[in-house]
Protein backbone atom coordinates (compact mmCIF):
# COMPACT_ATOMS: atom_id res chain seq x y z
CA MET A 1 32.99 -46.83 30.03
CA ASN A 2 35.78 -44.19 30.64
CA THR A 3 35.62 -40.37 29.76
CA HIS A 4 38.55 -41.02 27.37
CA ALA A 5 36.38 -43.27 25.06
CA THR A 6 33.50 -41.60 25.64
CA ARG A 7 35.20 -38.68 23.94
CA PHE A 8 36.89 -41.07 20.75
CA PHE A 9 34.29 -42.59 19.39
CA PRO A 10 32.67 -39.68 18.51
CA LEU A 11 35.37 -38.15 16.89
CA LEU A 12 36.25 -41.41 15.04
CA ALA A 13 32.54 -41.46 13.68
CA ALA A 14 32.88 -37.72 12.60
CA ALA A 15 36.55 -38.35 10.74
CA LEU A 16 35.12 -41.62 8.82
CA ILE A 17 32.30 -39.48 7.57
CA LEU A 18 34.53 -36.98 6.36
CA ALA A 19 36.96 -39.31 4.80
CA ALA A 20 33.72 -41.17 3.08
CA CYS A 21 32.66 -37.73 1.69
CA SER A 22 36.55 -36.61 0.27
CA SER A 23 37.12 -39.70 -1.37
CA GLN A 24 36.19 -40.57 -4.44
CA PRO A 25 35.89 -44.45 -5.56
CA GLU A 26 38.34 -45.34 -8.20
CA PRO A 27 36.77 -47.25 -11.27
CA VAL A 28 37.27 -51.01 -11.57
CA ALA A 29 39.43 -52.37 -14.49
CA GLY A 30 37.96 -54.28 -17.13
CA LYS A 31 34.28 -53.87 -15.74
CA THR A 32 31.55 -51.33 -16.60
CA ALA A 33 29.76 -50.37 -13.53
CA TYR A 34 27.84 -47.53 -14.72
CA GLN A 35 26.41 -47.04 -18.51
CA PRO A 36 24.64 -43.92 -18.97
CA ARG A 37 21.37 -42.83 -20.71
CA THR A 38 23.13 -39.90 -22.46
CA THR A 39 25.97 -37.60 -21.49
CA VAL A 40 26.61 -34.03 -21.17
CA ALA A 41 29.60 -31.44 -20.58
CA ALA A 42 30.54 -29.38 -17.62
CA GLU A 43 31.73 -26.14 -19.24
CA ARG A 44 33.55 -23.02 -18.13
CA ALA A 45 31.39 -20.10 -18.62
CA ALA A 46 31.11 -16.13 -17.96
CA LEU A 47 28.39 -15.72 -15.05
CA PRO A 48 27.41 -12.57 -13.53
CA ARG A 49 28.52 -11.57 -10.59
CA VAL A 50 25.71 -9.99 -8.11
CA PHE A 51 25.32 -8.65 -4.52
CA ASP A 52 22.29 -9.95 -2.74
CA ALA A 53 20.81 -6.93 -0.81
CA VAL A 54 18.34 -8.69 1.57
CA GLY A 55 14.95 -6.88 2.44
CA THR A 56 11.25 -7.03 3.14
CA VAL A 57 8.05 -6.86 0.92
CA LYS A 58 6.19 -4.11 1.90
CA ALA A 59 3.28 -2.19 0.85
CA ARG A 60 3.56 1.01 -1.02
CA THR A 61 0.45 2.37 0.37
CA ASP A 62 -0.72 1.12 3.69
CA SER A 63 -3.98 3.17 4.90
CA ARG A 64 -5.63 3.20 8.20
CA VAL A 65 -9.19 3.63 7.55
CA GLU A 66 -10.68 5.63 10.29
CA ALA A 67 -14.19 6.67 11.07
CA GLN A 68 -14.49 10.68 10.88
CA VAL A 69 -17.46 10.76 13.63
CA THR A 70 -18.05 9.06 16.77
CA GLY A 71 -20.73 5.94 16.58
CA ARG A 72 -21.38 2.50 17.34
CA VAL A 73 -19.81 -0.02 14.72
CA LEU A 74 -22.79 -1.76 13.35
CA LYS A 75 -21.58 -4.01 10.15
CA VAL A 76 -18.08 -4.43 9.13
CA MET A 77 -18.25 -5.66 5.51
CA VAL A 78 -15.01 -6.91 4.43
CA ARG A 79 -12.50 -9.45 5.81
CA PRO A 80 -8.68 -9.74 5.75
CA GLY A 81 -7.97 -10.57 2.18
CA ASP A 82 -10.90 -9.14 0.59
CA LYS A 83 -10.13 -7.24 -2.84
CA VAL A 84 -12.21 -4.00 -2.77
CA LYS A 85 -13.00 -1.50 -5.34
CA ALA A 86 -13.28 2.38 -4.78
CA GLY A 87 -16.55 2.91 -3.36
CA ASP A 88 -17.29 -0.22 -1.61
CA GLU A 89 -18.94 -0.13 1.69
CA LEU A 90 -16.53 -1.14 4.32
CA VAL A 91 -17.76 -0.24 8.03
CA ILE A 92 -21.32 0.49 8.93
CA LEU A 93 -21.90 2.55 12.08
CA ASP A 94 -25.00 3.72 13.93
CA SER A 95 -26.62 6.44 12.09
CA ARG A 96 -29.61 7.22 14.40
CA ALA A 97 -27.90 10.13 15.96
CA SER A 98 -26.57 11.73 12.78
CA THR A 99 -29.91 11.26 11.31
CA ALA A 100 -31.65 13.15 14.05
CA GLN A 101 -29.16 16.11 13.90
CA LEU A 102 -29.99 16.11 10.25
CA GLU A 103 -33.82 16.42 10.93
CA ARG A 104 -33.10 19.20 13.53
CA SER A 105 -31.05 21.17 11.13
CA ARG A 106 -33.83 20.64 8.36
CA GLN A 107 -36.47 22.04 10.63
CA ALA A 108 -34.29 24.87 11.53
CA MET A 109 -33.72 25.58 7.56
CA ALA A 110 -37.13 25.37 7.07
CA SER A 111 -38.02 28.10 10.00
CA ALA A 112 -35.06 30.09 8.57
CA HIS A 113 -36.69 30.14 5.22
CA SER A 114 -40.13 31.30 6.85
CA GLN A 115 -38.79 33.98 8.52
CA ILE A 116 -36.66 35.02 5.06
CA GLY A 117 -40.38 35.06 3.75
CA GLN A 118 -42.16 37.46 6.68
CA ALA A 119 -39.15 39.57 6.66
CA ARG A 120 -39.58 40.11 2.58
CA ASP A 121 -43.25 40.82 3.66
CA ALA A 122 -42.56 43.22 6.27
CA LEU A 123 -40.22 44.81 3.82
CA ALA A 124 -42.61 45.02 1.20
CA ALA A 125 -45.25 46.90 3.68
CA ALA A 126 -42.57 49.24 5.17
CA GLN A 127 -41.77 50.13 1.24
CA ALA A 128 -45.31 50.88 0.67
CA ALA A 129 -45.81 53.13 3.92
CA PHE A 130 -42.57 54.65 2.90
CA ASP A 131 -43.49 55.46 -0.66
CA LYS A 132 -47.18 56.93 0.48
CA ALA A 133 -45.65 59.13 3.18
CA GLU A 134 -42.80 60.38 0.90
CA SER A 135 -45.45 61.62 -1.75
CA THR A 136 -47.67 63.09 1.15
CA TYR A 137 -44.39 65.18 2.33
CA ARG A 138 -43.89 66.18 -0.99
CA ARG A 139 -47.53 67.28 -1.72
CA MET A 140 -47.47 69.07 1.48
CA LYS A 141 -44.42 70.95 0.75
CA GLN A 142 -45.91 72.20 -2.62
CA LEU A 143 -49.42 73.24 -0.71
CA TYR A 144 -47.33 75.05 1.53
CA ASP A 145 -45.43 77.00 -0.66
CA GLN A 146 -48.61 77.89 -2.35
CA LYS A 147 -49.88 78.99 1.13
CA VAL A 148 -52.94 76.38 1.02
CA VAL A 149 -51.60 74.24 4.30
CA THR A 150 -49.67 75.57 7.59
CA ALA A 151 -46.28 74.96 8.57
CA GLU A 152 -47.30 72.75 11.18
CA GLU A 153 -48.96 69.97 8.60
CA VAL A 154 -45.70 70.21 6.61
CA GLU A 155 -43.87 69.10 9.66
CA LYS A 156 -46.19 66.32 10.80
CA ALA A 157 -46.27 65.14 6.93
CA GLU A 158 -42.32 65.43 7.18
CA ALA A 159 -42.06 63.64 10.48
CA ALA A 160 -44.20 61.05 9.40
CA HIS A 161 -41.93 60.44 6.40
CA LEU A 162 -38.83 60.06 8.45
CA GLN A 163 -40.51 57.40 10.16
CA ALA A 164 -41.57 55.57 7.22
CA ARG A 165 -37.82 55.65 6.13
CA ALA A 166 -36.74 54.41 9.62
CA ALA A 167 -38.81 51.43 9.41
CA LEU A 168 -37.86 50.58 6.06
CA GLY A 169 -34.03 50.54 6.61
CA GLN A 170 -35.11 48.20 9.95
CA ALA A 171 -37.37 46.10 7.23
CA ARG A 172 -33.88 45.93 5.19
CA GLU A 173 -32.11 44.76 7.83
CA GLY A 174 -34.66 42.20 8.93
CA VAL A 175 -34.65 40.73 5.56
CA SER A 176 -30.53 40.56 5.52
CA ALA A 177 -30.68 39.32 8.99
CA ALA A 178 -33.18 36.41 7.87
CA GLN A 179 -31.03 35.61 4.73
CA SER A 180 -28.18 35.27 6.64
CA ARG A 181 -29.75 32.69 9.11
CA GLY A 182 -30.86 30.69 6.18
CA ARG A 183 -27.58 30.99 4.88
CA GLU A 184 -26.37 29.45 8.44
CA ALA A 185 -29.13 26.68 8.64
CA GLY A 186 -27.93 25.38 5.07
CA LYS A 187 -24.51 25.04 6.12
CA VAL A 188 -25.99 23.10 9.32
CA VAL A 189 -27.95 20.84 7.04
CA GLN A 190 -24.95 20.16 4.66
CA GLU A 191 -22.68 19.34 8.07
CA ALA A 192 -25.37 17.14 9.10
CA GLU A 193 -25.76 15.41 5.94
CA ILE A 194 -21.74 15.04 5.46
CA GLY A 195 -21.92 13.58 9.27
CA LEU A 196 -24.47 10.86 8.06
CA ASP A 197 -22.62 9.96 4.92
CA TYR A 198 -19.64 9.52 7.20
CA THR A 199 -21.64 6.95 9.09
CA THR A 200 -21.00 4.73 6.04
CA ILE A 201 -17.24 4.30 5.45
CA ARG A 202 -16.42 3.45 2.03
CA ALA A 203 -13.34 2.67 0.01
CA GLN A 204 -11.14 5.41 -1.46
CA GLU A 205 -9.43 3.63 -3.89
CA ASP A 206 -8.96 -0.13 -5.06
CA GLY A 207 -7.17 -2.24 -2.47
CA GLU A 208 -6.99 -5.00 -0.44
CA VAL A 209 -8.22 -5.58 3.09
CA ALA A 210 -4.90 -6.13 5.22
CA GLN A 211 -6.50 -6.26 8.70
CA ARG A 212 -9.58 -5.99 10.60
CA LEU A 213 -9.70 -3.91 13.77
CA ALA A 214 -12.91 -3.66 14.68
CA ASP A 215 -15.99 -5.97 15.34
CA PRO A 216 -19.56 -5.12 15.46
CA GLY A 217 -20.18 -3.13 19.24
CA ASP A 218 -17.03 -1.68 19.09
CA LEU A 219 -17.00 2.12 19.63
CA ALA A 220 -15.69 4.08 16.59
CA ILE A 221 -13.99 7.59 17.36
CA PRO A 222 -12.28 9.72 15.13
CA GLY A 223 -8.54 8.63 15.26
CA LYS A 224 -9.07 5.03 15.87
CA ALA A 225 -8.34 2.54 13.20
CA LEU A 226 -10.90 0.44 11.83
CA LEU A 227 -9.38 -1.31 9.16
CA SER A 228 -5.87 -1.25 7.12
CA LEU A 229 -5.85 -1.49 3.31
CA GLN A 230 -3.31 -1.90 1.01
CA THR A 231 -3.44 -0.31 -2.55
CA SER A 232 -3.67 -2.64 -5.48
CA GLY A 233 -0.31 -3.24 -7.31
CA SER A 234 1.61 -1.20 -4.68
CA LEU A 235 3.79 -3.82 -3.17
CA ARG A 236 7.47 -3.20 -3.18
CA LEU A 237 11.09 -4.74 -1.62
CA GLU A 238 12.82 -2.03 0.50
CA ALA A 239 16.25 -3.62 0.88
CA MET A 240 19.38 -2.14 2.42
CA VAL A 241 22.34 -1.38 0.01
CA ARG A 242 26.28 -1.00 1.47
CA GLU A 243 27.53 2.46 0.92
CA SER A 244 30.12 1.04 -1.56
CA LEU A 245 27.40 -0.03 -3.87
CA ILE A 246 25.02 2.31 -4.14
CA GLY A 247 26.49 4.50 -6.90
CA ARG A 248 25.46 1.32 -8.96
CA VAL A 249 21.63 1.74 -8.20
CA LYS A 250 20.05 4.46 -10.00
CA ILE A 251 15.83 5.48 -9.72
CA GLY A 252 14.07 3.87 -12.29
CA GLN A 253 16.67 1.07 -12.91
CA VAL A 254 15.10 -2.53 -13.36
CA LEU A 255 17.03 -5.14 -11.33
CA PRO A 256 16.35 -8.57 -10.39
CA VAL A 257 14.29 -9.60 -7.17
CA VAL A 258 14.38 -13.08 -6.23
CA ILE A 259 11.58 -13.91 -3.32
CA GLU A 260 11.86 -17.50 -2.31
CA ALA A 261 8.36 -17.85 -0.74
CA LEU A 262 7.25 -17.40 -4.65
CA GLU A 263 6.31 -20.56 -6.29
CA GLY A 264 9.22 -21.44 -8.65
CA GLY A 265 11.69 -19.16 -6.45
CA ALA A 266 12.56 -17.32 -10.29
CA PRO A 267 13.62 -13.78 -9.88
CA ILE A 268 11.11 -10.85 -10.74
CA ASP A 269 11.53 -7.44 -12.04
CA GLY A 270 11.79 -4.52 -9.81
CA THR A 271 11.93 -1.28 -10.96
CA VAL A 272 13.84 1.13 -8.27
CA ASP A 273 11.30 3.96 -7.20
CA GLU A 274 13.29 5.41 -4.40
CA ILE A 275 16.46 5.70 -2.69
CA GLU A 276 16.93 7.56 0.83
CA PRO A 277 19.55 9.97 0.79
CA LEU A 278 20.54 9.40 3.82
CA ALA A 279 22.68 6.23 5.26
CA ASP A 280 22.30 4.08 8.28
CA PRO A 281 25.14 5.34 10.65
CA VAL A 282 25.14 2.01 12.28
CA THR A 283 25.08 -0.53 9.08
CA ARG A 284 26.28 2.16 6.56
CA SER A 285 23.89 1.31 4.19
CA PHE A 286 21.32 3.15 2.02
CA LEU A 287 17.33 1.93 1.79
CA VAL A 288 16.22 1.06 -1.48
CA LYS A 289 12.86 0.83 -2.60
CA ALA A 290 12.12 -1.43 -5.69
CA ARG A 291 8.17 -1.58 -7.03
CA LEU A 292 7.06 -5.38 -7.65
CA PRO A 293 4.68 -6.24 -10.31
CA GLU A 294 1.94 -8.30 -9.01
CA ARG A 295 2.01 -11.92 -8.31
CA PRO A 296 -0.19 -14.52 -6.94
CA GLY A 297 1.10 -15.08 -3.41
CA LEU A 298 2.78 -12.38 -2.87
CA TYR A 299 2.32 -10.54 0.37
CA PRO A 300 3.74 -7.88 2.58
CA GLY A 301 6.29 -9.25 5.12
CA MET A 302 7.91 -11.56 3.14
CA PHE A 303 11.76 -11.88 2.84
CA GLY A 304 13.61 -10.94 -0.40
CA ARG A 305 16.98 -10.26 -2.25
CA LEU A 306 17.28 -7.24 -4.41
CA LEU A 307 20.32 -8.49 -6.86
CA ILE A 308 22.84 -5.92 -7.88
CA PRO A 309 25.36 -6.65 -10.71
CA LEU A 310 28.39 -6.28 -10.14
CA GLY A 311 30.13 -7.47 -13.40
CA GLU A 312 31.09 -10.88 -14.72
CA ARG A 313 33.57 -13.98 -13.18
CA GLU A 314 34.23 -17.22 -14.81
CA GLY A 315 32.67 -20.22 -13.11
CA VAL A 316 31.54 -23.82 -13.93
CA LEU A 317 28.13 -24.78 -15.45
CA ALA A 318 26.55 -28.31 -15.63
CA PRO A 319 23.13 -29.87 -16.57
CA GLU A 320 20.87 -29.72 -13.89
CA ALA A 321 20.04 -33.39 -14.75
CA ALA A 322 23.46 -34.43 -14.04
CA VAL A 323 23.64 -33.92 -10.61
CA THR A 324 22.24 -36.54 -8.28
CA ARG A 325 21.22 -35.82 -4.79
CA VAL A 326 20.81 -38.00 -1.78
CA GLY A 327 20.10 -35.81 1.52
CA GLN A 328 22.42 -33.33 1.53
CA LEU A 329 25.19 -35.15 -0.75
CA GLU A 330 25.19 -33.94 -4.28
CA THR A 331 27.37 -36.02 -7.18
CA VAL A 332 27.92 -36.61 -10.60
CA ARG A 333 29.45 -39.34 -12.71
CA VAL A 334 32.77 -38.42 -14.69
CA LYS A 335 34.19 -40.01 -17.51
CA THR A 336 37.46 -41.21 -17.02
CA GLY A 337 40.00 -43.18 -19.33
CA ASP A 338 38.79 -46.65 -18.03
CA GLY A 339 35.22 -45.85 -16.88
CA TRP A 340 33.08 -43.86 -14.93
CA GLN A 341 33.73 -41.99 -11.49
CA THR A 342 31.83 -40.81 -8.77
CA VAL A 343 32.39 -37.34 -7.70
CA TYR A 344 31.12 -35.30 -5.01
CA VAL A 345 30.19 -31.69 -5.77
CA ARG A 346 28.82 -28.77 -4.55
CA THR A 347 26.12 -26.54 -6.40
CA GLY A 348 25.01 -23.09 -6.60
CA ALA A 349 22.80 -20.74 -8.29
CA ALA A 350 20.76 -22.04 -11.20
CA HIS A 351 20.99 -20.76 -14.91
CA GLY A 352 17.95 -21.99 -16.92
CA ASP A 353 18.61 -25.83 -17.22
CA ASN A 354 21.90 -25.61 -15.64
CA VAL A 355 23.36 -25.27 -12.27
CA GLU A 356 26.84 -23.76 -11.04
CA ILE A 357 29.39 -26.22 -9.82
CA LEU A 358 30.88 -24.57 -6.98
CA SER A 359 33.31 -27.33 -6.13
CA GLY A 360 34.33 -31.08 -7.46
CA LEU A 361 34.45 -30.02 -11.38
CA SER A 362 36.88 -27.69 -13.33
CA GLY A 363 35.30 -27.69 -16.42
CA GLY A 364 35.37 -29.72 -19.55
CA GLU A 365 34.31 -32.92 -17.81
CA THR A 366 31.96 -35.82 -19.51
CA LEU A 367 29.24 -36.16 -17.13
CA GLY A 368 26.70 -39.19 -17.25
CA VAL A 369 23.11 -38.58 -17.40
CA GLY A 370 20.71 -41.49 -16.15
CA ILE A 371 21.46 -44.91 -16.16
CA GLU A 372 21.41 -47.53 -19.43
CA THR A 373 22.27 -50.62 -17.63
CA GLU A 374 24.12 -51.96 -14.48
CA ALA A 375 26.94 -54.27 -14.25
CA LYS A 376 26.33 -57.50 -12.00
């Protein structure tokens, strides 16, 4: 086969297909090729005009679960997709080192309390000695005034009084130091208890496990993520809205959101939570975040469209039941003066039980639904 023939046949086939799609069969006079079960009307109607801002479903709060102490992972209590409540155990770390540290700190605190008791006993003894020395010194001064004792004896009593006062001061400082050591030991115990508590990692709020990043045997260190949690009911659509339309979007506004992956594909209500006030210099668009209601099967990463109303436009609506689909071809049966004619159409968005007809009908036509009889 020559080159010209090879090129000709594909072009001829394409031309025949286009001619078949664009032509409309003429009704046969005197024959009823089609009899509908019922009839409906295609009508012109005012339809909403919207702008589709494409975006991605993301978690509003996506928290990383990390260890606050270093330890070997013993157990991971959850898997991706598990629902958790605040306080539920997520990861268990090896607690032997923390337990030993807590035991040592408690022993140190017990020793500090013992030292406090000894210091208080010493203070009591020093206080008693001081009281006795002070009483003796005063009595000796009185006796000296009465010429009963010598000045040397008074000086000796005074020296004993001064020594007792110094010993009392040292005893008081000893009690203060022992109490300070006791407080420090108490803080060490508290830190050790917190460290031991950190070996059991718990959920801080209700949510769903998104990722599991650790397994038993792994080393957990501060700063290394072990799990990823998503807060319950915190999904939202983040979409880019061009600068010419951002004035139509307001905080708190409820807009339709289409998530085609959801069963049925019907729009759900999205509430605008945030509008970033800085436009992307490349796309000249603003990031809009719309909070989504909880829906089964709705997950982060899904594709979605935020529908921004732009007013109304006139269009043609026809009942969905009147449209016949064969592959990618869509047809309707239109009543004419002498029978029924098959017309190729192109459909758009659904509006309840009706569908928009983008081309093929102009409105006002009578359409057939179903088949009552077939001509022979």
